[in-house]
Structure formats: structure tokens, C-alpha cells
Amino acid sequence: MKIRCDRCGYNIPIASALKQETKVTSNGERITKTFIRCNFCSSVYTVCYDNTKTKILKQTIKTRVEEMNKIIIPEQRVKKTKQIEKLQQMLEKENNRLCIMYEESELKKE
């Protein structure tokens, strides 16, 4: 699978361009930034930020989606969908928080 670089138009193969960088913040939290770097112009595209909490949330969402796909009764599907949406909102909030913390730790180093 490939994605197109917004800056130079180069088709970036995801498998070879996906990279991770881990930093420890001042309060001891370990944050991993997953990003894609263009091989041609070196543009960086952030995919996500992870810590233990986000990894657990992602796994829980995946499990709940698999459970939902097995449900036949519409009322139960609706209930499971709401649970998944709530987990996705929690994941998004945590990802935004990690983004801010990661960038603050970069600014402190400079």
C-alpha cells in the first residue's frame, strides 16, 4: 500500500516509511510517536501517539468491533456501537493529550 506525499507528490510505500520514535516526558510517561517520512523530500506525517493507555483502548475497540460483528439483534448492535463510539472518543482525547505532551517535551529539549 502506498500514500502520496502532499509536498512532492512521491508515492510513499507505507511498509518501508513507517517509523517510531519514543520519548520519556518530564513526569516519566513514555510516549511513542508513529509517523511516515517521505523518502524523497523528508516530509513527516504523524500517524498517532501511543502510550500504554492508548494501546489498551485500541485493543478494546478492536475486540468490541469483532463482538459487534457477531451480534444479530439490532438493539444489541446499537448498544455495542455506542460503547465503541465512547471508547473512540476516549482514544482521541488521549491521543490529543499525548500530542501536546510530546511536543512540549521537544520544546524543552531545544
Protein backbone atom coordinates (compact mmCIF):
# COMPACT_ATOMS: atom_id res chain seq x y z
CA MET A 1 0.00 0.00 0.00
CA LYS A 2 1.22 3.49 -0.83
CA ILE A 3 0.27 7.05 0.06
CA ARG A 4 1.04 10.22 -1.87
CA CYS A 5 3.22 12.92 -0.31
CA ASP A 6 1.39 16.26 -0.16
CA ARG A 7 4.58 18.22 -0.67
CA CYS A 8 6.32 16.49 -3.60
CA GLY A 9 3.75 14.01 -4.93
CA TYR A 10 6.02 10.99 -4.37
CA ASN A 11 4.22 7.68 -3.74
CA ILE A 12 5.46 6.52 -0.35
CA PRO A 13 5.35 2.77 0.36
CA ILE A 14 3.96 2.57 3.89
CA ALA A 15 5.82 -0.57 4.94
CA SER A 16 9.26 0.99 4.42
CA ALA A 17 8.42 4.54 5.52
CA LEU A 18 6.61 3.83 8.82
CA LYS A 19 8.83 4.79 11.74
CA GLN A 20 8.52 5.14 15.52
CA GLU A 21 10.21 7.47 17.95
CA THR A 22 9.87 7.13 21.74
CA LYS A 23 10.35 9.89 24.31
CA VAL A 24 10.00 9.97 28.06
CA THR A 25 8.32 13.11 29.38
CA SER A 26 9.37 15.03 32.49
CA ASN A 27 6.79 13.14 34.59
CA GLY A 28 8.16 9.77 33.41
CA GLU A 29 5.46 8.92 30.87
CA ARG A 30 6.69 7.02 27.81
CA ILE A 31 5.16 8.32 24.55
CA THR A 32 5.71 6.69 21.17
CA LYS A 33 5.17 8.76 18.04
CA THR A 34 4.36 6.75 14.90
CA PHE A 35 4.98 8.65 11.68
CA ILE A 36 5.65 8.30 7.97
CA ARG A 37 8.62 10.08 6.40
CA CYS A 38 8.76 10.76 2.68
CA ASN A 39 11.87 9.16 1.20
CA PHE A 40 12.14 11.88 -1.44
CA CYS A 41 11.59 15.22 0.36
CA SER A 42 11.75 14.11 4.04
CA SER A 43 8.30 15.46 4.91
CA VAL A 44 6.92 13.92 8.11
CA TYR A 45 3.30 12.80 8.52
CA THR A 46 2.26 11.85 12.06
CA VAL A 47 0.07 8.76 12.30
CA CYS A 48 -0.55 8.60 16.06
CA TYR A 49 0.88 8.93 19.56
CA ASP A 50 0.78 5.91 21.87
CA ASN A 51 1.26 5.01 25.49
CA THR A 52 0.01 2.05 27.49
CA LYS A 53 -3.49 3.51 27.84
CA THR A 54 -3.96 4.10 24.10
CA LYS A 55 -2.70 0.61 23.25
CA ILE A 56 -5.25 -0.89 25.65
CA LEU A 57 -8.01 1.31 24.22
CA LYS A 58 -7.14 0.28 20.65
CA GLN A 59 -7.22 -3.40 21.59
CA THR A 60 -10.53 -2.96 23.43
CA ILE A 61 -12.07 -1.18 20.43
CA LYS A 62 -10.88 -3.95 18.12
CA THR A 63 -12.37 -6.60 20.42
CA ARG A 64 -15.70 -4.75 20.71
CA VAL A 65 -15.94 -4.35 16.93
CA GLU A 66 -15.37 -8.08 16.48
CA GLU A 67 -18.07 -8.77 19.09
CA MET A 68 -20.46 -6.35 17.38
CA ASN A 69 -20.00 -8.07 14.03
CA LYS A 70 -21.28 -11.31 15.57
CA ILE A 71 -24.44 -9.70 17.02
CA ILE A 72 -27.66 -10.21 15.08
CA ILE A 73 -30.20 -8.36 17.28
CA PRO A 74 -30.38 -4.67 16.22
CA GLU A 75 -30.89 -3.29 19.75
CA GLN A 76 -27.74 -5.00 20.97
CA ARG A 77 -25.80 -3.75 17.95
CA VAL A 78 -26.86 -0.18 18.73
CA LYS A 79 -25.75 -0.57 22.34
CA LYS A 80 -22.38 -2.03 21.29
CA THR A 81 -21.93 0.76 18.71
CA LYS A 82 -22.42 3.40 21.42
CA GLN A 83 -19.82 1.65 23.57
CA ILE A 84 -17.37 1.67 20.66
CA GLU A 85 -18.02 5.35 19.93
CA LYS A 86 -17.36 6.23 23.58
CA LEU A 87 -14.07 4.30 23.50
CA GLN A 88 -13.07 6.03 20.26
CA GLN A 89 -13.73 9.44 21.84
CA MET A 90 -11.60 8.46 24.83
CA LEU A 91 -8.83 7.35 22.45
CA GLU A 92 -9.00 10.63 20.53
CA LYS A 93 -8.79 12.71 23.74
CA GLU A 94 -5.83 10.68 24.98
CA ASN A 95 -4.11 10.98 21.60
CA ASN A 96 -4.55 14.78 21.65
CA ARG A 97 -3.17 14.92 25.20
CA LEU A 98 -0.16 12.84 24.19
CA CYS A 99 0.46 15.05 21.16
CA ILE A 100 0.65 18.12 23.38
CA MET A 101 2.90 16.40 25.92
CA TYR A 102 5.19 15.04 23.18
CA GLU A 103 5.61 18.44 21.55
CA GLU A 104 6.19 20.14 24.92
CA SER A 105 8.99 17.68 25.64
CA GLU A 106 10.52 18.52 22.24
CA LEU A 107 10.40 22.24 23.02
CA LYS A 108 12.09 21.74 26.39
CA LYS A 109 15.00 19.92 24.71
CA GLU A 110 15.66 22.81 22.32
